[in-house]
Amino acid sequence: MLSVRIVCVGKLKEQYYSDAANEYVKRLCGYCKPEVLEVREQRLPMNPSENQITHALEKEHTAIQALLPTGAFTIALCIEGREIDSTQLSDLLTDCANRGASRLCFVIGGSNGLHNLTKVSANMMLSLSKMTFPHNLVRVMLLEQLYRAFSITQGAKYHK
C-alpha cells in the first residue's frame, strides 16, 4: 500500500479545518497509509523585512527536510507549480506506484509560502490554483483531492 505523507507548516487552529482534515485522512485509510506531520511556523513581527521572511523560510525548510522520507517522490505545493485536474492527479498517483514509488510526500508551506530550496529539491511543484488560499484550507483541499484521485483510480462513485 502506498504511503502518503503530508508535511505542513503550521497547525490547524480552527476546529472546522481540523474536522474536515481528519475526515479525509480517515477516508484515505482505505486507499493508502496517510500521515500528516506539522512543523512550527516561524513567528514574524508585524511588517517583516524580506530578510526576516527569508530567515524564517530557511528555518522552516530545515524542519521540512528532516521530515521528508528517504526516496519519497516529493511534491511541493506552490503557486508557480503545474496545475492539473483530479484525473491527472489520479494518473500521477498511479504512475508513481507503477514506477515502484512506495512513498509520496506533499509539502504545504505556511503563510509566507515555501523556501526556494524546498521547491527546487522536490520532484515536482504542484499548484492547486492560480488563486491564493489560506494554507489551512489548502491542507483540506489537498486531502480531498487525494481522496478523489484514489477514488478515481479504484472506480468508486465519489468522482462525478
N, C-alpha and C. Protein backbone atom coordinates (compact mmCIF):
# COMPACT_ATOMS: atom_id res chain seq x y z
N MET A 1 0.85 -1.18 0.00
CA MET A 1 0.00 0.00 0.00
C MET A 1 0.89 1.24 0.00
N LEU A 2 0.52 2.22 -0.79
CA LEU A 2 1.26 3.47 -0.93
C LEU A 2 1.19 4.27 0.37
N SER A 3 2.32 4.80 0.76
CA SER A 3 2.40 5.66 1.93
C SER A 3 2.39 7.11 1.45
N VAL A 4 1.48 7.93 2.00
CA VAL A 4 1.36 9.33 1.62
C VAL A 4 1.55 10.20 2.85
N ARG A 5 2.63 10.96 2.84
CA ARG A 5 2.92 11.88 3.95
C ARG A 5 2.67 13.30 3.47
N ILE A 6 2.01 14.07 4.29
CA ILE A 6 1.80 15.49 4.02
C ILE A 6 2.50 16.26 5.13
N VAL A 7 3.48 17.05 4.74
CA VAL A 7 4.23 17.87 5.68
C VAL A 7 3.69 19.29 5.55
N CYS A 8 3.19 19.83 6.65
CA CYS A 8 2.55 21.15 6.65
C CYS A 8 3.28 22.09 7.59
N VAL A 9 3.43 23.32 7.15
CA VAL A 9 3.95 24.35 8.04
C VAL A 9 2.76 24.96 8.77
N GLY A 10 2.79 24.90 10.08
CA GLY A 10 1.72 25.46 10.89
C GLY A 10 0.71 24.42 11.33
N LYS A 11 -0.01 24.77 12.37
CA LYS A 11 -1.04 23.89 12.93
C LYS A 11 -2.42 24.37 12.50
N LEU A 12 -3.35 23.44 12.47
CA LEU A 12 -4.74 23.81 12.21
C LEU A 12 -5.33 24.33 13.52
N LYS A 13 -5.72 25.58 13.53
CA LYS A 13 -6.26 26.16 14.76
C LYS A 13 -7.78 26.12 14.80
N GLU A 14 -8.39 26.25 13.63
CA GLU A 14 -9.84 26.27 13.56
C GLU A 14 -10.38 24.84 13.57
N GLN A 15 -11.39 24.59 14.40
CA GLN A 15 -11.96 23.26 14.55
C GLN A 15 -12.55 22.74 13.24
N TYR A 16 -13.16 23.63 12.45
CA TYR A 16 -13.78 23.18 11.20
C TYR A 16 -12.73 22.69 10.20
N TYR A 17 -11.54 23.28 10.19
CA TYR A 17 -10.47 22.76 9.33
C TYR A 17 -9.99 21.40 9.85
N SER A 18 -9.82 21.30 11.16
CA SER A 18 -9.38 20.04 11.77
C SER A 18 -10.38 18.92 11.50
N ASP A 19 -11.66 19.22 11.66
CA ASP A 19 -12.69 18.21 11.42
C ASP A 19 -12.66 17.73 9.97
N ALA A 20 -12.56 18.67 9.05
CA ALA A 20 -12.54 18.30 7.62
C ALA A 20 -11.28 17.49 7.29
N ALA A 21 -10.13 17.95 7.77
CA ALA A 21 -8.89 17.23 7.51
C ALA A 21 -8.93 15.82 8.08
N ASN A 22 -9.40 15.69 9.30
CA ASN A 22 -9.49 14.37 9.94
C ASN A 22 -10.43 13.43 9.18
N GLU A 23 -11.52 13.98 8.66
CA GLU A 23 -12.47 13.16 7.90
C GLU A 23 -11.81 12.60 6.64
N TYR A 24 -11.06 13.43 5.93
CA TYR A 24 -10.42 12.95 4.70
C TYR A 24 -9.25 12.00 5.00
N VAL A 25 -8.54 12.22 6.08
CA VAL A 25 -7.48 11.28 6.47
C VAL A 25 -8.11 9.92 6.75
N LYS A 26 -9.23 9.92 7.46
CA LYS A 26 -9.94 8.67 7.77
C LYS A 26 -10.38 7.97 6.48
N ARG A 27 -10.92 8.73 5.54
CA ARG A 27 -11.35 8.15 4.27
C ARG A 27 -10.17 7.60 3.46
N LEU A 28 -9.04 8.30 3.52
CA LEU A 28 -7.86 7.87 2.76
C LEU A 28 -7.30 6.55 3.25
N CYS A 29 -7.56 6.20 4.49
CA CYS A 29 -7.02 4.95 5.05
C CYS A 29 -7.42 3.72 4.25
N GLY A 30 -8.50 3.79 3.52
CA GLY A 30 -8.92 2.67 2.68
C GLY A 30 -8.09 2.54 1.41
N TYR A 31 -7.35 3.56 1.07
CA TYR A 31 -6.60 3.58 -0.19
C TYR A 31 -5.08 3.63 -0.02
N CYS A 32 -4.63 4.20 1.09
CA CYS A 32 -3.19 4.39 1.30
C CYS A 32 -2.92 4.50 2.80
N LYS A 33 -1.67 4.70 3.13
CA LYS A 33 -1.28 4.95 4.52
C LYS A 33 -1.02 6.45 4.65
N PRO A 34 -2.06 7.22 5.03
CA PRO A 34 -1.86 8.67 5.12
C PRO A 34 -1.23 9.09 6.43
N GLU A 35 -0.46 10.15 6.36
CA GLU A 35 0.19 10.69 7.55
C GLU A 35 0.33 12.19 7.35
N VAL A 36 -0.10 12.97 8.33
CA VAL A 36 0.04 14.42 8.27
C VAL A 36 0.96 14.84 9.41
N LEU A 37 2.06 15.50 9.03
CA LEU A 37 3.01 15.99 10.02
C LEU A 37 3.10 17.51 9.93
N GLU A 38 3.28 18.14 11.06
CA GLU A 38 3.34 19.60 11.09
C GLU A 38 4.70 20.07 11.59
N VAL A 39 5.18 21.15 11.00
CA VAL A 39 6.36 21.83 11.51
C VAL A 39 5.90 23.22 11.97
N ARG A 40 6.60 23.73 12.93
CA ARG A 40 6.22 25.02 13.52
C ARG A 40 6.45 26.15 12.52
N GLU A 41 5.43 26.98 12.36
CA GLU A 41 5.59 28.17 11.52
C GLU A 41 6.38 29.21 12.32
N GLN A 42 7.39 29.77 11.69
CA GLN A 42 8.23 30.76 12.36
C GLN A 42 7.44 32.05 12.57
N ARG A 43 7.56 32.59 13.76
CA ARG A 43 6.88 33.85 14.08
C ARG A 43 7.67 35.01 13.48
N LEU A 44 6.91 35.95 12.97
CA LEU A 44 7.50 37.14 12.38
C LEU A 44 6.85 38.38 13.00
N PRO A 45 7.58 39.49 13.05
CA PRO A 45 6.98 40.72 13.56
C PRO A 45 5.99 41.30 12.54
N MET A 46 5.22 42.26 12.96
CA MET A 46 4.34 42.96 12.03
C MET A 46 5.22 43.63 10.98
N ASN A 47 4.80 43.58 9.75
CA ASN A 47 5.55 44.16 8.63
C ASN A 47 7.01 43.70 8.60
N PRO A 48 7.22 42.39 8.46
CA PRO A 48 8.60 41.88 8.45
C PRO A 48 9.36 42.31 7.19
N SER A 49 10.67 42.39 7.34
CA SER A 49 11.52 42.71 6.18
C SER A 49 11.70 41.44 5.34
N GLU A 50 12.18 41.61 4.13
CA GLU A 50 12.44 40.45 3.26
C GLU A 50 13.47 39.52 3.92
N ASN A 51 14.46 40.10 4.59
CA ASN A 51 15.48 39.29 5.29
C ASN A 51 14.86 38.44 6.39
N GLN A 52 13.93 39.02 7.14
CA GLN A 52 13.27 38.28 8.21
C GLN A 52 12.43 37.14 7.64
N ILE A 53 11.74 37.42 6.55
CA ILE A 53 10.94 36.37 5.92
C ILE A 53 11.83 35.27 5.38
N THR A 54 12.91 35.64 4.73
CA THR A 54 13.84 34.65 4.18
C THR A 54 14.43 33.79 5.29
N HIS A 55 14.81 34.41 6.38
CA HIS A 55 15.39 33.67 7.51
C HIS A 55 14.36 32.68 8.09
N ALA A 56 13.10 33.12 8.21
CA ALA A 56 12.04 32.25 8.72
C ALA A 56 11.82 31.07 7.77
N LEU A 57 11.80 31.35 6.46
CA LEU A 57 11.60 30.28 5.48
C LEU A 57 12.76 29.29 5.50
N GLU A 58 13.98 29.77 5.75
CA GLU A 58 15.14 28.87 5.85
C GLU A 58 14.98 27.91 7.03
N LYS A 59 14.51 28.42 8.17
CA LYS A 59 14.29 27.57 9.34
C LYS A 59 13.19 26.53 9.05
N GLU A 60 12.12 26.98 8.40
CA GLU A 60 11.05 26.05 8.06
C GLU A 60 11.56 25.00 7.06
N HIS A 61 12.40 25.42 6.11
CA HIS A 61 12.97 24.48 5.13
C HIS A 61 13.76 23.37 5.85
N THR A 62 14.56 23.75 6.82
CA THR A 62 15.35 22.78 7.57
C THR A 62 14.44 21.79 8.30
N ALA A 63 13.38 22.29 8.91
CA ALA A 63 12.44 21.42 9.62
C ALA A 63 11.70 20.50 8.65
N ILE A 64 11.33 21.03 7.48
CA ILE A 64 10.65 20.22 6.46
C ILE A 64 11.56 19.11 5.98
N GLN A 65 12.80 19.44 5.66
CA GLN A 65 13.74 18.45 5.14
C GLN A 65 13.92 17.27 6.10
N ALA A 66 13.87 17.56 7.39
CA ALA A 66 14.03 16.49 8.39
C ALA A 66 12.86 15.51 8.37
N LEU A 67 11.73 15.90 7.80
CA LEU A 67 10.54 15.04 7.79
C LEU A 67 10.28 14.37 6.45
N LEU A 68 11.11 14.64 5.46
CA LEU A 68 10.91 14.02 4.15
C LEU A 68 11.48 12.61 4.17
N PRO A 69 10.66 11.62 3.84
CA PRO A 69 11.15 10.24 3.84
C PRO A 69 12.18 10.03 2.74
N THR A 70 13.21 9.28 3.04
CA THR A 70 14.24 8.96 2.06
C THR A 70 13.62 8.22 0.88
N GLY A 71 13.92 8.67 -0.30
CA GLY A 71 13.44 8.01 -1.51
C GLY A 71 12.00 8.32 -1.89
N ALA A 72 11.34 9.19 -1.15
CA ALA A 72 9.94 9.52 -1.47
C ALA A 72 9.88 10.43 -2.68
N PHE A 73 8.82 10.28 -3.46
CA PHE A 73 8.53 11.22 -4.54
C PHE A 73 7.89 12.42 -3.87
N THR A 74 8.57 13.56 -3.91
CA THR A 74 8.15 14.74 -3.16
C THR A 74 7.52 15.78 -4.07
N ILE A 75 6.39 16.31 -3.63
CA ILE A 75 5.65 17.30 -4.39
C ILE A 75 5.46 18.53 -3.51
N ALA A 76 6.01 19.67 -3.94
CA ALA A 76 5.86 20.93 -3.22
C ALA A 76 4.66 21.68 -3.78
N LEU A 77 3.75 22.08 -2.91
CA LEU A 77 2.61 22.87 -3.35
C LEU A 77 2.99 24.34 -3.33
N CYS A 78 2.92 24.96 -4.51
CA CYS A 78 3.29 26.37 -4.64
C CYS A 78 2.60 26.95 -5.86
N ILE A 79 2.40 28.24 -5.84
CA ILE A 79 1.63 28.89 -6.90
C ILE A 79 2.29 28.77 -8.27
N GLU A 80 3.61 28.65 -8.31
CA GLU A 80 4.28 28.54 -9.60
C GLU A 80 4.36 27.09 -10.10
N GLY A 81 3.74 26.19 -9.36
CA GLY A 81 3.72 24.79 -9.76
C GLY A 81 2.78 24.53 -10.92
N ARG A 82 2.82 23.31 -11.38
CA ARG A 82 1.97 22.88 -12.51
C ARG A 82 0.54 22.65 -12.02
N GLU A 83 -0.42 23.13 -12.77
CA GLU A 83 -1.82 22.88 -12.45
C GLU A 83 -2.27 21.62 -13.17
N ILE A 84 -2.95 20.74 -12.43
CA ILE A 84 -3.51 19.52 -13.01
C ILE A 84 -4.93 19.35 -12.49
N ASP A 85 -5.70 18.54 -13.21
CA ASP A 85 -7.06 18.28 -12.74
C ASP A 85 -7.06 17.00 -11.90
N SER A 86 -8.23 16.64 -11.38
CA SER A 86 -8.34 15.49 -10.49
C SER A 86 -7.95 14.18 -11.17
N THR A 87 -8.33 14.02 -12.43
CA THR A 87 -7.99 12.81 -13.16
C THR A 87 -6.48 12.72 -13.39
N GLN A 88 -5.85 13.85 -13.66
CA GLN A 88 -4.40 13.86 -13.83
C GLN A 88 -3.69 13.55 -12.52
N LEU A 89 -4.24 14.00 -11.40
CA LEU A 89 -3.66 13.64 -10.10
C LEU A 89 -3.78 12.15 -9.88
N SER A 90 -4.92 11.58 -10.24
CA SER A 90 -5.11 10.14 -10.14
C SER A 90 -4.07 9.41 -10.98
N ASP A 91 -3.85 9.90 -12.20
CA ASP A 91 -2.84 9.31 -13.09
C ASP A 91 -1.44 9.43 -12.50
N LEU A 92 -1.16 10.57 -11.86
CA LEU A 92 0.15 10.78 -11.24
C LEU A 92 0.38 9.77 -10.12
N LEU A 93 -0.63 9.57 -9.28
CA LEU A 93 -0.51 8.60 -8.18
C LEU A 93 -0.29 7.19 -8.73
N THR A 94 -1.04 6.84 -9.77
CA THR A 94 -0.90 5.53 -10.40
C THR A 94 0.48 5.37 -11.02
N ASP A 95 0.94 6.42 -11.70
CA ASP A 95 2.25 6.38 -12.34
C ASP A 95 3.37 6.21 -11.31
N CYS A 96 3.27 6.93 -10.21
CA CYS A 96 4.28 6.80 -9.14
C CYS A 96 4.31 5.36 -8.61
N ALA A 97 3.13 4.81 -8.37
CA ALA A 97 3.05 3.43 -7.87
C ALA A 97 3.61 2.44 -8.89
N ASN A 98 3.29 2.66 -10.18
CA ASN A 98 3.77 1.77 -11.23
C ASN A 98 5.29 1.83 -11.41
N ARG A 99 5.87 2.99 -11.08
CA ARG A 99 7.33 3.12 -11.19
C ARG A 99 8.04 2.63 -9.92
N GLY A 100 7.28 2.08 -9.01
CA GLY A 100 7.87 1.49 -7.82
C GLY A 100 7.97 2.41 -6.63
N ALA A 101 7.41 3.60 -6.72
CA ALA A 101 7.44 4.51 -5.58
C ALA A 101 6.47 3.99 -4.52
N SER A 102 6.97 3.79 -3.34
CA SER A 102 6.09 3.33 -2.26
C SER A 102 5.74 4.47 -1.32
N ARG A 103 6.41 5.61 -1.52
CA ARG A 103 6.16 6.77 -0.65
C ARG A 103 6.00 8.04 -1.48
N LEU A 104 4.96 8.77 -1.16
CA LEU A 104 4.74 10.10 -1.73
C LEU A 104 4.76 11.08 -0.57
N CYS A 105 5.28 12.26 -0.83
CA CYS A 105 5.30 13.27 0.21
C CYS A 105 4.91 14.61 -0.41
N PHE A 106 3.88 15.22 0.14
CA PHE A 106 3.43 16.54 -0.27
C PHE A 106 3.87 17.55 0.78
N VAL A 107 4.29 18.74 0.34
CA VAL A 107 4.74 19.77 1.27
C VAL A 107 3.90 21.02 1.07
N ILE A 108 3.30 21.49 2.17
CA ILE A 108 2.48 22.70 2.16
C ILE A 108 3.17 23.73 3.04
N GLY A 109 3.45 24.89 2.47
CA GLY A 109 4.10 25.96 3.22
C GLY A 109 3.12 26.69 4.13
N GLY A 110 3.67 27.61 4.88
CA GLY A 110 2.87 28.44 5.77
C GLY A 110 2.39 29.69 5.06
N SER A 111 2.09 30.72 5.82
CA SER A 111 1.52 31.94 5.25
C SER A 111 2.50 32.68 4.35
N ASN A 112 3.79 32.39 4.47
CA ASN A 112 4.79 33.02 3.59
C ASN A 112 5.27 32.08 2.50
N GLY A 113 4.59 30.95 2.34
CA GLY A 113 4.96 30.02 1.28
C GLY A 113 6.09 29.10 1.69
N LEU A 114 6.85 28.66 0.69
CA LEU A 114 7.98 27.75 0.90
C LEU A 114 9.28 28.41 0.46
N HIS A 115 10.36 28.03 1.11
CA HIS A 115 11.68 28.49 0.69
C HIS A 115 11.98 27.91 -0.70
N ASN A 116 12.70 28.65 -1.50
CA ASN A 116 13.01 28.20 -2.85
C ASN A 116 13.73 26.85 -2.86
N LEU A 117 14.59 26.60 -1.87
CA LEU A 117 15.29 25.31 -1.80
C LEU A 117 14.32 24.15 -1.61
N THR A 118 13.24 24.39 -0.88
CA THR A 118 12.23 23.35 -0.69
C THR A 118 11.57 23.03 -2.03
N LYS A 119 11.29 24.08 -2.79
CA LYS A 119 10.63 23.90 -4.08
C LYS A 119 11.52 23.18 -5.08
N VAL A 120 12.76 23.64 -5.22
CA VAL A 120 13.64 23.06 -6.26
C VAL A 120 14.14 21.68 -5.90
N SER A 121 14.13 21.33 -4.62
CA SER A 121 14.58 19.99 -4.24
C SER A 121 13.46 18.95 -4.38
N ALA A 122 12.23 19.42 -4.58
CA ALA A 122 11.10 18.50 -4.78
C ALA A 122 11.17 17.89 -6.17
N ASN A 123 10.55 16.73 -6.33
CA ASN A 123 10.47 16.09 -7.65
C ASN A 123 9.49 16.83 -8.56
N MET A 124 8.54 17.52 -7.94
CA MET A 124 7.52 18.22 -8.71
C MET A 124 6.98 19.38 -7.90
N MET A 125 6.61 20.45 -8.60
CA MET A 125 5.90 21.56 -7.97
C MET A 125 4.48 21.54 -8.51
N LEU A 126 3.51 21.61 -7.61
CA LEU A 126 2.10 21.50 -7.96
C LEU A 126 1.36 22.72 -7.44
N SER A 127 0.48 23.26 -8.27
CA SER A 127 -0.38 24.36 -7.86
C SER A 127 -1.82 23.88 -7.88
N LEU A 128 -2.55 24.15 -6.82
CA LEU A 128 -3.97 23.80 -6.79
C LEU A 128 -4.80 24.80 -7.58
N SER A 129 -4.26 26.00 -7.76
CA SER A 129 -4.98 27.04 -8.48
C SER A 129 -4.08 28.26 -8.61
N LYS A 130 -4.42 29.15 -9.51
CA LYS A 130 -3.72 30.42 -9.59
C LYS A 130 -4.18 31.36 -8.48
N MET A 131 -5.31 31.03 -7.87
CA MET A 131 -5.80 31.83 -6.76
C MET A 131 -4.99 31.53 -5.50
N THR A 132 -5.01 32.45 -4.56
CA THR A 132 -4.33 32.27 -3.28
C THR A 132 -5.34 31.81 -2.25
N PHE A 133 -4.96 30.76 -1.49
CA PHE A 133 -5.81 30.22 -0.44
C PHE A 133 -5.04 30.21 0.88
N PRO A 134 -5.75 30.27 2.01
CA PRO A 134 -5.06 30.10 3.30
C PRO A 134 -4.45 28.70 3.36
N HIS A 135 -3.25 28.60 3.93
CA HIS A 135 -2.57 27.30 3.94
C HIS A 135 -3.36 26.25 4.71
N ASN A 136 -4.18 26.65 5.67
CA ASN A 136 -5.01 25.68 6.39
C ASN A 136 -6.07 25.08 5.47
N LEU A 137 -6.64 25.90 4.61
CA LEU A 137 -7.62 25.41 3.65
C LEU A 137 -6.95 24.53 2.60
N VAL A 138 -5.74 24.87 2.22
CA VAL A 138 -5.01 24.07 1.22
C VAL A 138 -4.82 22.65 1.73
N ARG A 139 -4.57 22.49 3.01
CA ARG A 139 -4.41 21.15 3.57
C ARG A 139 -5.68 20.33 3.36
N VAL A 140 -6.83 20.92 3.65
CA VAL A 140 -8.10 20.23 3.47
C VAL A 140 -8.33 19.95 1.98
N MET A 141 -8.06 20.94 1.14
CA MET A 141 -8.25 20.76 -0.31
C MET A 141 -7.36 19.64 -0.85
N LEU A 142 -6.11 19.59 -0.41
CA LEU A 142 -5.21 18.53 -0.88
C LEU A 142 -5.71 17.16 -0.42
N LEU A 143 -6.10 17.05 0.83
CA LEU A 143 -6.61 15.77 1.33
C LEU A 143 -7.84 15.32 0.55
N GLU A 144 -8.74 16.27 0.26
CA GLU A 144 -9.93 15.92 -0.51
C GLU A 144 -9.54 15.48 -1.92
N GLN A 145 -8.61 16.17 -2.54
CA GLN A 145 -8.19 15.82 -3.90
C GLN A 145 -7.47 14.47 -3.93
N LEU A 146 -6.71 14.16 -2.90
CA LEU A 146 -6.08 12.84 -2.83
C LEU A 146 -7.14 11.75 -2.70
N TYR A 147 -8.14 12.00 -1.86
CA TYR A 147 -9.23 11.03 -1.72
C TYR A 147 -9.96 10.86 -3.06
N ARG A 148 -10.21 11.96 -3.73
CA ARG A 148 -10.87 11.91 -5.03
C ARG A 148 -10.01 11.15 -6.04
N ALA A 149 -8.71 11.42 -6.06
CA ALA A 149 -7.80 10.76 -7.01
C ALA A 149 -7.77 9.25 -6.79
N PHE A 150 -7.68 8.83 -5.53
CA PHE A 150 -7.69 7.40 -5.25
C PHE A 150 -9.05 6.79 -5.61
N SER A 151 -10.13 7.53 -5.39
CA SER A 151 -11.46 7.05 -5.76
C SER A 151 -11.56 6.86 -7.27
N ILE A 152 -10.98 7.77 -8.03
CA ILE A 152 -10.98 7.66 -9.49
C ILE A 152 -10.24 6.39 -9.90
N THR A 153 -9.06 6.19 -9.30
CA THR A 153 -8.25 5.03 -9.62
C THR A 153 -9.00 3.73 -9.35
N GLN A 154 -9.74 3.70 -8.25
CA GLN A 154 -10.47 2.48 -7.86
C GLN A 154 -11.84 2.37 -8.52
N GLY A 155 -12.23 3.39 -9.28
CA GLY A 155 -13.53 3.35 -9.93
C GLY A 155 -14.70 3.57 -9.00
N ALA A 156 -14.45 4.20 -7.86
CA ALA A 156 -15.52 4.49 -6.89
C ALA A 156 -16.42 5.60 -7.42
N LYS A 157 -17.59 5.74 -6.83
CA LYS A 157 -18.59 6.69 -7.32
C LYS A 157 -18.38 8.12 -6.81
N TYR A 158 -17.39 8.35 -5.99
CA TYR A 158 -17.19 9.68 -5.39
C TYR A 158 -16.99 10.76 -6.45
N HIS A 159 -16.18 10.48 -7.46
CA HIS A 159 -15.87 11.46 -8.50
C HIS A 159 -16.93 11.40 -9.61
N LYS A 160 -17.53 12.53 -9.89
CA LYS A 160 -18.56 12.57 -10.94
C LYS A 160 -18.19 13.59 -11.98
